[in-house]
Amino acid sequence: MLVRLSVSRRLVAAAVEAVADGSPEARRVVSMAKSHATEAAVAVAGKAMQLHGGIGYPWEGGIHRYLKRAMLNRALFGGPAAHRRLISEAY
């Protein structure tokens, strides 16, 4: 989980730099970051629910909110498959 988080942070930082610098590669880098970070968020939140066992599901636990939000973010502005398609078209 830590590796996925670290890679996601680096990809998002690279995307922010590319957009801030006005790089022509910005669209590709942003797609890479969105695709990887949202997939990682859903995976990490899902594992967190499993690690917490039954307490992850009820309203008192609160962990379900992270999973729902991660799934929503994955679907917003195109899913990972759409962003991977954009990346493949760039090559």
PDB file of N, CA and C in Angstrom:
ATOM      1  N   MET A   1       0.831  -1.188   0.000  1.00  0.00           N
ATOM      2  CA  MET A   1       0.000   0.000   0.000  1.00  0.00           C
ATOM      3  C   MET A   1       0.874   1.249   0.000  1.00  0.00           C
ATOM      4  N   LEU A   2       1.969   1.204   0.745  1.00  0.00           N
ATOM      5  CA  LEU A   2       2.860   2.360   0.810  1.00  0.00           C
ATOM      6  C   LEU A   2       3.516   2.634  -0.539  1.00  0.00           C
ATOM      7  N   VAL A   3       3.870   1.585  -1.256  1.00  0.00           N
ATOM      8  CA  VAL A   3       4.490   1.760  -2.572  1.00  0.00           C
ATOM      9  C   VAL A   3       3.509   2.425  -3.525  1.00  0.00           C
ATOM     10  N   ARG A   4       2.270   1.960  -3.539  1.00  0.00           N
ATOM     11  CA  ARG A   4       1.260   2.571  -4.411  1.00  0.00           C
ATOM     12  C   ARG A   4       1.047   4.042  -4.060  1.00  0.00           C
ATOM     13  N   LEU A   5       1.012   4.332  -2.772  1.00  0.00           N
ATOM     14  CA  LEU A   5       0.841   5.712  -2.329  1.00  0.00           C
ATOM     15  C   LEU A   5       2.025   6.577  -2.754  1.00  0.00           C
ATOM     16  N   SER A   6       3.233   6.069  -2.593  1.00  0.00           N
ATOM     17  CA  SER A   6       4.433   6.833  -2.958  1.00  0.00           C
ATOM     18  C   SER A   6       4.490   7.102  -4.455  1.00  0.00           C
ATOM     19  N   VAL A   7       4.183   6.088  -5.254  1.00  0.00           N
ATOM     20  CA  VAL A   7       4.182   6.268  -6.710  1.00  0.00           C
ATOM     21  C   VAL A   7       3.105   7.270  -7.109  1.00  0.00           C
ATOM     22  N   SER A   8       1.939   7.174  -6.500  1.00  0.00           N
ATOM     23  CA  SER A   8       0.851   8.105  -6.814  1.00  0.00           C
ATOM     24  C   SER A   8       1.239   9.540  -6.483  1.00  0.00           C
ATOM     25  N   ARG A   9       1.863   9.741  -5.335  1.00  0.00           N
ATOM     26  CA  ARG A   9       2.288  11.098  -4.959  1.00  0.00           C
ATOM     27  C   ARG A   9       3.268  11.662  -5.970  1.00  0.00           C
ATOM     28  N   ARG A  10       4.221  10.848  -6.410  1.00  0.00           N
ATOM     29  CA  ARG A  10       5.216  11.323  -7.372  1.00  0.00           C
ATOM     30  C   ARG A  10       4.576  11.639  -8.721  1.00  0.00           C
ATOM     31  N   LEU A  11       3.653  10.793  -9.164  1.00  0.00           N
ATOM     32  CA  LEU A  11       2.972  11.052 -10.433  1.00  0.00           C
ATOM     33  C   LEU A  11       2.130  12.323 -10.365  1.00  0.00           C
ATOM     34  N   VAL A  12       1.440  12.527  -9.251  1.00  0.00           N
ATOM     35  CA  VAL A  12       0.633  13.746  -9.100  1.00  0.00           C
ATOM     36  C   VAL A  12       1.535  14.976  -9.054  1.00  0.00           C
ATOM     37  N   ALA A  13       2.669  14.887  -8.369  1.00  0.00           N
ATOM     38  CA  ALA A  13       3.613  16.011  -8.322  1.00  0.00           C
ATOM     39  C   ALA A  13       4.144  16.324  -9.716  1.00  0.00           C
ATOM     40  N   ALA A  14       4.445  15.295 -10.495  1.00  0.00           N
ATOM     41  CA  ALA A  14       4.920  15.506 -11.864  1.00  0.00           C
ATOM     42  C   ALA A  14       3.830  16.140 -12.724  1.00  0.00           C
ATOM     43  N   ALA A  15       2.580  15.742 -12.511  1.00  0.00           N
ATOM     44  CA  ALA A  15       1.469  16.322 -13.268  1.00  0.00           C
ATOM     45  C   ALA A  15       1.285  17.794 -12.924  1.00  0.00           C
ATOM     46  N   VAL A  16       1.389  18.130 -11.648  1.00  0.00           N
ATOM     47  CA  VAL A  16       1.265  19.530 -11.226  1.00  0.00           C
ATOM     48  C   VAL A  16       2.385  20.361 -11.843  1.00  0.00           C
ATOM     49  N   GLU A  17       3.602  19.845 -11.822  1.00  0.00           N
ATOM     50  CA  GLU A  17       4.733  20.556 -12.429  1.00  0.00           C
ATOM     51  C   GLU A  17       4.512  20.775 -13.917  1.00  0.00           C
ATOM     52  N   ALA A  18       4.056  19.740 -14.615  1.00  0.00           N
ATOM     53  CA  ALA A  18       3.850  19.836 -16.059  1.00  0.00           C
ATOM     54  C   ALA A  18       2.789  20.873 -16.399  1.00  0.00           C
ATOM     55  N   VAL A  19       1.708  20.893 -15.642  1.00  0.00           N
ATOM     56  CA  VAL A  19       0.643  21.873 -15.895  1.00  0.00           C
ATOM     57  C   VAL A  19       1.123  23.278 -15.553  1.00  0.00           C
ATOM     58  N   ALA A  20       1.824  23.424 -14.439  1.00  0.00           N
ATOM     59  CA  ALA A  20       2.313  24.746 -14.020  1.00  0.00           C
ATOM     60  C   ALA A  20       3.325  25.310 -15.012  1.00  0.00           C
ATOM     61  N   ASP A  21       4.139  24.439 -15.598  1.00  0.00           N
ATOM     62  CA  ASP A  21       5.147  24.885 -16.562  1.00  0.00           C
ATOM     63  C   ASP A  21       4.590  25.049 -17.962  1.00  0.00           C
ATOM     64  N   GLY A  22       3.368  24.611 -18.192  1.00  0.00           N
ATOM     65  CA  GLY A  22       2.775  24.698 -19.520  1.00  0.00           C
ATOM     66  C   GLY A  22       3.410  23.723 -20.498  1.00  0.00           C
ATOM     67  N   SER A  23       3.854  22.603 -19.999  1.00  0.00           N
ATOM     68  CA  SER A  23       4.527  21.593 -20.816  1.00  0.00           C
ATOM     69  C   SER A  23       3.578  20.996 -21.855  1.00  0.00           C
ATOM     70  N   PRO A  24       4.081  20.735 -23.059  1.00  0.00           N
ATOM     71  CA  PRO A  24       3.239  20.075 -24.064  1.00  0.00           C
ATOM     72  C   PRO A  24       2.897  18.627 -23.676  1.00  0.00           C
ATOM     73  N   GLU A  25       3.644  18.065 -22.751  1.00  0.00           N
ATOM     74  CA  GLU A  25       3.408  16.698 -22.273  1.00  0.00           C
ATOM     75  C   GLU A  25       2.399  16.661 -21.123  1.00  0.00           C
ATOM     76  N   ALA A  26       1.861  17.799 -20.738  1.00  0.00           N
ATOM     77  CA  ALA A  26       1.009  17.886 -19.544  1.00  0.00           C
ATOM     78  C   ALA A  26      -0.188  16.945 -19.614  1.00  0.00           C
ATOM     79  N   ARG A  27      -0.833  16.879 -20.755  1.00  0.00           N
ATOM     80  CA  ARG A  27      -2.032  16.037 -20.860  1.00  0.00           C
ATOM     81  C   ARG A  27      -1.695  14.563 -20.608  1.00  0.00           C
ATOM     82  N   ARG A  28      -0.589  14.114 -21.170  1.00  0.00           N
ATOM     83  CA  ARG A  28      -0.173  12.723 -20.982  1.00  0.00           C
ATOM     84  C   ARG A  28       0.196  12.449 -19.524  1.00  0.00           C
ATOM     85  N   VAL A  29       0.934  13.376 -18.918  1.00  0.00           N
ATOM     86  CA  VAL A  29       1.373  13.196 -17.530  1.00  0.00           C
ATOM     87  C   VAL A  29       0.171  13.225 -16.577  1.00  0.00           C
ATOM     88  N   VAL A  30      -0.779  14.103 -16.835  1.00  0.00           N
ATOM     89  CA  VAL A  30      -1.990  14.168 -16.003  1.00  0.00           C
ATOM     90  C   VAL A  30      -2.787  12.870 -16.133  1.00  0.00           C
ATOM     91  N   SER A  31      -2.882  12.340 -17.344  1.00  0.00           N
ATOM     92  CA  SER A  31      -3.594  11.073 -17.535  1.00  0.00           C
ATOM     93  C   SER A  31      -2.913   9.933 -16.794  1.00  0.00           C
ATOM     94  N   MET A  32      -1.580   9.925 -16.805  1.00  0.00           N
ATOM     95  CA  MET A  32      -0.845   8.896 -16.062  1.00  0.00           C
ATOM     96  C   MET A  32      -1.145   8.999 -14.568  1.00  0.00           C
ATOM     97  N   ALA A  33      -1.120  10.227 -14.054  1.00  0.00           N
ATOM     98  CA  ALA A  33      -1.364  10.440 -12.625  1.00  0.00           C
ATOM     99  C   ALA A  33      -2.789  10.046 -12.249  1.00  0.00           C
ATOM    100  N   LYS A  34      -3.764  10.477 -13.034  1.00  0.00           N
ATOM    101  CA  LYS A  34      -5.173  10.170 -12.734  1.00  0.00           C
ATOM    102  C   LYS A  34      -5.418   8.671 -12.773  1.00  0.00           C
ATOM    103  N   SER A  35      -4.901   8.024 -13.805  1.00  0.00           N
ATOM    104  CA  SER A  35      -5.110   6.593 -13.951  1.00  0.00           C
ATOM    105  C   SER A  35      -4.527   5.817 -12.776  1.00  0.00           C
ATOM    106  N   HIS A  36      -3.299   6.107 -12.436  1.00  0.00           N
ATOM    107  CA  HIS A  36      -2.643   5.343 -11.369  1.00  0.00           C
ATOM    108  C   HIS A  36      -3.169   5.718  -9.985  1.00  0.00           C
ATOM    109  N   ALA A  37      -3.300   7.009  -9.710  1.00  0.00           N
ATOM    110  CA  ALA A  37      -3.682   7.451  -8.362  1.00  0.00           C
ATOM    111  C   ALA A  37      -5.087   6.998  -7.978  1.00  0.00           C
ATOM    112  N   THR A  38      -6.024   7.051  -8.914  1.00  0.00           N
ATOM    113  CA  THR A  38      -7.386   6.651  -8.560  1.00  0.00           C
ATOM    114  C   THR A  38      -7.504   5.141  -8.389  1.00  0.00           C
ATOM    115  N   GLU A  39      -6.785   4.383  -9.212  1.00  0.00           N
ATOM    116  CA  GLU A  39      -6.766   2.927  -9.030  1.00  0.00           C
ATOM    117  C   GLU A  39      -6.146   2.577  -7.682  1.00  0.00           C
ATOM    118  N   ALA A  40      -5.059   3.253  -7.345  1.00  0.00           N
ATOM    119  CA  ALA A  40      -4.380   2.994  -6.070  1.00  0.00           C
ATOM    120  C   ALA A  40      -5.277   3.362  -4.892  1.00  0.00           C
ATOM    121  N   ALA A  41      -6.005   4.468  -5.002  1.00  0.00           N
ATOM    122  CA  ALA A  41      -6.883   4.901  -3.906  1.00  0.00           C
ATOM    123  C   ALA A  41      -7.970   3.869  -3.632  1.00  0.00           C
ATOM    124  N   VAL A  42      -8.570   3.337  -4.686  1.00  0.00           N
ATOM    125  CA  VAL A  42      -9.612   2.320  -4.507  1.00  0.00           C
ATOM    126  C   VAL A  42      -9.014   1.055  -3.892  1.00  0.00           C
ATOM    127  N   ALA A  43      -7.841   0.658  -4.362  1.00  0.00           N
ATOM    128  CA  ALA A  43      -7.200  -0.549  -3.830  1.00  0.00           C
ATOM    129  C   ALA A  43      -6.827  -0.379  -2.358  1.00  0.00           C
ATOM    130  N   VAL A  44      -6.254   0.760  -2.015  1.00  0.00           N
ATOM    131  CA  VAL A  44      -5.831   0.998  -0.630  1.00  0.00           C
ATOM    132  C   VAL A  44      -7.042   1.099   0.297  1.00  0.00           C
ATOM    133  N   ALA A  45      -8.081   1.804  -0.131  1.00  0.00           N
ATOM    134  CA  ALA A  45      -9.283   1.917   0.703  1.00  0.00           C
ATOM    135  C   ALA A  45      -9.958   0.557   0.878  1.00  0.00           C
ATOM    136  N   GLY A  46      -9.976  -0.244  -0.172  1.00  0.00           N
ATOM    137  CA  GLY A  46     -10.547  -1.589  -0.072  1.00  0.00           C
ATOM    138  C   GLY A  46      -9.765  -2.458   0.899  1.00  0.00           C
ATOM    139  N   LYS A  47      -8.443  -2.370   0.836  1.00  0.00           N
ATOM    140  CA  LYS A  47      -7.614  -3.144   1.771  1.00  0.00           C
ATOM    141  C   LYS A  47      -7.790  -2.642   3.206  1.00  0.00           C
ATOM    142  N   ALA A  48      -7.963  -1.335   3.369  1.00  0.00           N
ATOM    143  CA  ALA A  48      -8.177  -0.785   4.709  1.00  0.00           C
ATOM    144  C   ALA A  48      -9.461  -1.343   5.313  1.00  0.00           C
ATOM    145  N   MET A  49     -10.499  -1.461   4.485  1.00  0.00           N
ATOM    146  CA  MET A  49     -11.756  -2.034   4.988  1.00  0.00           C
ATOM    147  C   MET A  49     -11.549  -3.483   5.396  1.00  0.00           C
ATOM    148  N   GLN A  50     -10.780  -4.224   4.610  1.00  0.00           N
ATOM    149  CA  GLN A  50     -10.525  -5.626   4.952  1.00  0.00           C
ATOM    150  C   GLN A  50      -9.697  -5.737   6.229  1.00  0.00           C
ATOM    151  N   LEU A  51      -8.697  -4.867   6.358  1.00  0.00           N
ATOM    152  CA  LEU A  51      -7.844  -4.915   7.540  1.00  0.00           C
ATOM    153  C   LEU A  51      -8.609  -4.577   8.817  1.00  0.00           C
ATOM    154  N   HIS A  52      -9.582  -3.683   8.700  1.00  0.00           N
ATOM    155  CA  HIS A  52     -10.362  -3.300   9.875  1.00  0.00           C
ATOM    156  C   HIS A  52     -11.495  -4.284  10.162  1.00  0.00           C
ATOM    157  N   GLY A  53     -11.720  -5.187   9.246  1.00  0.00           N
ATOM    158  CA  GLY A  53     -12.748  -6.206   9.465  1.00  0.00           C
ATOM    159  C   GLY A  53     -14.140  -5.610   9.515  1.00  0.00           C
ATOM    160  N   GLY A  54     -14.959  -6.115  10.408  1.00  0.00           N
ATOM    161  CA  GLY A  54     -16.355  -5.700  10.499  1.00  0.00           C
ATOM    162  C   GLY A  54     -16.552  -4.248  10.867  1.00  0.00           C
ATOM    163  N   ILE A  55     -15.598  -3.630  11.557  1.00  0.00           N
ATOM    164  CA  ILE A  55     -15.765  -2.232  11.973  1.00  0.00           C
ATOM    165  C   ILE A  55     -15.650  -1.284  10.780  1.00  0.00           C
ATOM    166  N   GLY A  56     -15.112  -1.745   9.672  1.00  0.00           N
ATOM    167  CA  GLY A  56     -14.986  -0.888   8.499  1.00  0.00           C
ATOM    168  C   GLY A  56     -16.298  -0.637   7.783  1.00  0.00           C
ATOM    169  N   TYR A  57     -17.291  -1.488   8.008  1.00  0.00           N
ATOM    170  CA  TYR A  57     -18.552  -1.378   7.285  1.00  0.00           C
ATOM    171  C   TYR A  57     -19.599  -0.482   7.932  1.00  0.00           C
ATOM    172  N   PRO A  58     -19.757  -0.483   9.253  1.00  0.00           N
ATOM    173  CA  PRO A  58     -20.822   0.352   9.824  1.00  0.00           C
ATOM    174  C   PRO A  58     -20.501   1.843   9.755  1.00  0.00           C
ATOM    175  N   TRP A  59     -21.540   2.649   9.961  1.00  0.00           N
ATOM    176  CA  TRP A  59     -21.393   4.101   9.895  1.00  0.00           C
ATOM    177  C   TRP A  59     -20.404   4.622  10.932  1.00  0.00           C
ATOM    178  N   GLU A  60     -20.278   3.951  12.063  1.00  0.00           N
ATOM    179  CA  GLU A  60     -19.392   4.438  13.117  1.00  0.00           C
ATOM    180  C   GLU A  60     -17.923   4.341  12.717  1.00  0.00           C
ATOM    181  N   GLY A  61     -17.593   3.359  11.883  1.00  0.00           N
ATOM    182  CA  GLY A  61     -16.199   3.153  11.488  1.00  0.00           C
ATOM    183  C   GLY A  61     -15.677   4.258  10.587  1.00  0.00           C
ATOM    184  N   GLY A  62     -16.459   4.674   9.642  1.00  0.00           N
ATOM    185  CA  GLY A  62     -16.074   5.770   8.761  1.00  0.00           C
ATOM    186  C   GLY A  62     -15.187   5.392   7.592  1.00  0.00           C
ATOM    187  N   ILE A  63     -14.655   4.187   7.593  1.00  0.00           N
ATOM    188  CA  ILE A  63     -13.736   3.790   6.523  1.00  0.00           C
ATOM    189  C   ILE A  63     -14.469   3.644   5.196  1.00  0.00           C
ATOM    190  N   HIS A  64     -15.732   3.276   5.243  1.00  0.00           N
ATOM    191  CA  HIS A  64     -16.507   3.119   4.016  1.00  0.00           C
ATOM    192  C   HIS A  64     -16.568   4.429   3.224  1.00  0.00           C
ATOM    193  N   ARG A  65     -16.493   5.559   3.920  1.00  0.00           N
ATOM    194  CA  ARG A  65     -16.528   6.856   3.227  1.00  0.00           C
ATOM    195  C   ARG A  65     -15.328   7.021   2.307  1.00  0.00           C
ATOM    196  N   TYR A  66     -14.164   6.563   2.773  1.00  0.00           N
ATOM    197  CA  TYR A  66     -12.963   6.666   1.948  1.00  0.00           C
ATOM    198  C   TYR A  66     -13.086   5.811   0.693  1.00  0.00           C
ATOM    199  N   LEU A  67     -13.648   4.633   0.831  1.00  0.00           N
ATOM    200  CA  LEU A  67     -13.820   3.758  -0.328  1.00  0.00           C
ATOM    201  C   LEU A  67     -14.828   4.352  -1.305  1.00  0.00           C
ATOM    202  N   LYS A  68     -15.946   4.874  -0.790  1.00  0.00           N
ATOM    203  CA  LYS A  68     -16.946   5.479  -1.674  1.00  0.00           C
ATOM    204  C   LYS A  68     -16.372   6.686  -2.406  1.00  0.00           C
ATOM    205  N   ARG A  69     -15.611   7.511  -1.693  1.00  0.00           N
ATOM    206  CA  ARG A  69     -15.019   8.697  -2.314  1.00  0.00           C
ATOM    207  C   ARG A  69     -13.971   8.301  -3.351  1.00  0.00           C
ATOM    208  N   ALA A  70     -13.175   7.287  -3.048  1.00  0.00           N
ATOM    209  CA  ALA A  70     -12.165   6.818  -3.995  1.00  0.00           C
ATOM    210  C   ALA A  70     -12.823   6.283  -5.264  1.00  0.00           C
ATOM    211  N   MET A  71     -13.930   5.572  -5.107  1.00  0.00           N
ATOM    212  CA  MET A  71     -14.638   5.044  -6.276  1.00  0.00           C
ATOM    213  C   MET A  71     -15.259   6.169  -7.095  1.00  0.00           C
ATOM    214  N   LEU A  72     -15.768   7.186  -6.428  1.00  0.00           N
ATOM    215  CA  LEU A  72     -16.318   8.341  -7.128  1.00  0.00           C
ATOM    216  C   LEU A  72     -15.222   9.071  -7.895  1.00  0.00           C
ATOM    217  N   ASN A  73     -14.089   9.306  -7.243  1.00  0.00           N
ATOM    218  CA  ASN A  73     -12.980   9.999  -7.903  1.00  0.00           C
ATOM    219  C   ASN A  73     -12.453   9.215  -9.096  1.00  0.00           C
ATOM    220  N   ARG A  74     -12.472   7.896  -9.001  1.00  0.00           N
ATOM    221  CA  ARG A  74     -12.010   7.071 -10.114  1.00  0.00           C
ATOM    222  C   ARG A  74     -12.906   7.270 -11.336  1.00  0.00           C
ATOM    223  N   ALA A  75     -14.198   7.467 -11.114  1.00  0.00           N
ATOM    224  CA  ALA A  75     -15.141   7.611 -12.219  1.00  0.00           C
ATOM    225  C   ALA A  75     -15.188   9.034 -12.792  1.00  0.00           C
ATOM    226  N   LEU A  76     -14.841  10.037 -11.992  1.00  0.00           N
ATOM    227  CA  LEU A  76     -14.920  11.426 -12.453  1.00  0.00           C
ATOM    228  C   LEU A  76     -13.902  11.718 -13.551  1.00  0.00           C
ATOM    229  N   PHE A  77     -14.314  12.491 -14.529  1.00  0.00           N
ATOM    230  CA  PHE A  77     -13.434  12.969 -15.599  1.00  0.00           C
ATOM    231  C   PHE A  77     -12.762  11.837 -16.361  1.00  0.00           C
ATOM    232  N   GLY A  78     -13.443  10.749 -16.528  1.00  0.00           N
ATOM    233  CA  GLY A  78     -12.912   9.611 -17.273  1.00  0.00           C
ATOM    234  C   GLY A  78     -12.244   8.614 -16.351  1.00  0.00           C
ATOM    235  N   GLY A  79     -12.562   7.367 -16.565  1.00  0.00           N
ATOM    236  CA  GLY A  79     -11.982   6.311 -15.744  1.00  0.00           C
ATOM    237  C   GLY A  79     -10.557   5.998 -16.163  1.00  0.00           C
ATOM    238  N   PRO A  80      -9.913   5.118 -15.426  1.00  0.00           N
ATOM    239  CA  PRO A  80      -8.531   4.749 -15.739  1.00  0.00           C
ATOM    240  C   PRO A  80      -8.356   4.207 -17.158  1.00  0.00           C
ATOM    241  N   ALA A  81      -9.323   3.443 -17.648  1.00  0.00           N
ATOM    242  CA  ALA A  81      -9.211   2.891 -19.005  1.00  0.00           C
ATOM    243  C   ALA A  81      -9.183   4.004 -20.052  1.00  0.00           C
ATOM    244  N   ALA A  82     -10.010   5.016 -19.873  1.00  0.00           N
ATOM    245  CA  ALA A  82     -10.031   6.139 -20.818  1.00  0.00           C
ATOM    246  C   ALA A  82      -8.708   6.893 -20.796  1.00  0.00           C
ATOM    247  N   HIS A  83      -8.140   7.065 -19.620  1.00  0.00           N
ATOM    248  CA  HIS A  83      -6.867   7.777 -19.521  1.00  0.00           C
ATOM    249  C   HIS A  83      -5.716   6.940 -20.070  1.00  0.00           C
ATOM    250  N   ARG A  84      -5.781   5.637 -19.899  1.00  0.00           N
ATOM    251  CA  ARG A  84      -4.748   4.778 -20.499  1.00  0.00           C
ATOM    252  C   ARG A  84      -4.831   4.829 -22.017  1.00  0.00           C
ATOM    253  N   ARG A  85      -6.043   4.937 -22.545  1.00  0.00           N
ATOM    254  CA  ARG A  85      -6.212   5.064 -23.992  1.00  0.00           C
ATOM    255  C   ARG A  85      -5.585   6.366 -24.482  1.00  0.00           C
ATOM    256  N   LEU A  86      -5.779   7.459 -23.735  1.00  0.00           N
ATOM    257  CA  LEU A  86      -5.148   8.734 -24.101  1.00  0.00           C
ATOM    258  C   LEU A  86      -3.626   8.625 -24.077  1.00  0.00           C
ATOM    259  N   ILE A  87      -3.101   7.912 -23.091  1.00  0.00           N
ATOM    260  CA  ILE A  87      -1.648   7.734 -22.997  1.00  0.00           C
ATOM    261  C   ILE A  87      -1.147   6.933 -24.190  1.00  0.00           C
ATOM    262  N   SER A  88      -1.870   5.877 -24.551  1.00  0.00           N
ATOM    263  CA  SER A  88      -1.424   5.044 -25.672  1.00  0.00           C
ATOM    264  C   SER A  88      -1.479   5.802 -26.992  1.00  0.00           C
ATOM    265  N   GLU A  89      -2.436   6.710 -27.138  1.00  0.00           N
ATOM    266  CA  GLU A  89      -2.516   7.512 -28.365  1.00  0.00           C
ATOM    267  C   GLU A  89      -1.352   8.487 -28.476  1.00  0.00           C
ATOM    268  N   ALA A  90      -0.792   8.886 -27.331  1.00  0.00           N
ATOM    269  CA  ALA A  90       0.342   9.818 -27.343  1.00  0.00           C
ATOM    270  C   ALA A  90       1.608   9.147 -27.851  1.00  0.00           C
ATOM    271  N   TYR A  91       1.648   7.829 -27.763  1.00  0.00           N
ATOM    272  CA  TYR A  91       2.826   7.101 -28.238  1.00  0.00           C
ATOM    273  C   TYR A  91       2.524   6.538 -29.570  1.00  0.00           C
TER     274      TYR A  91
END
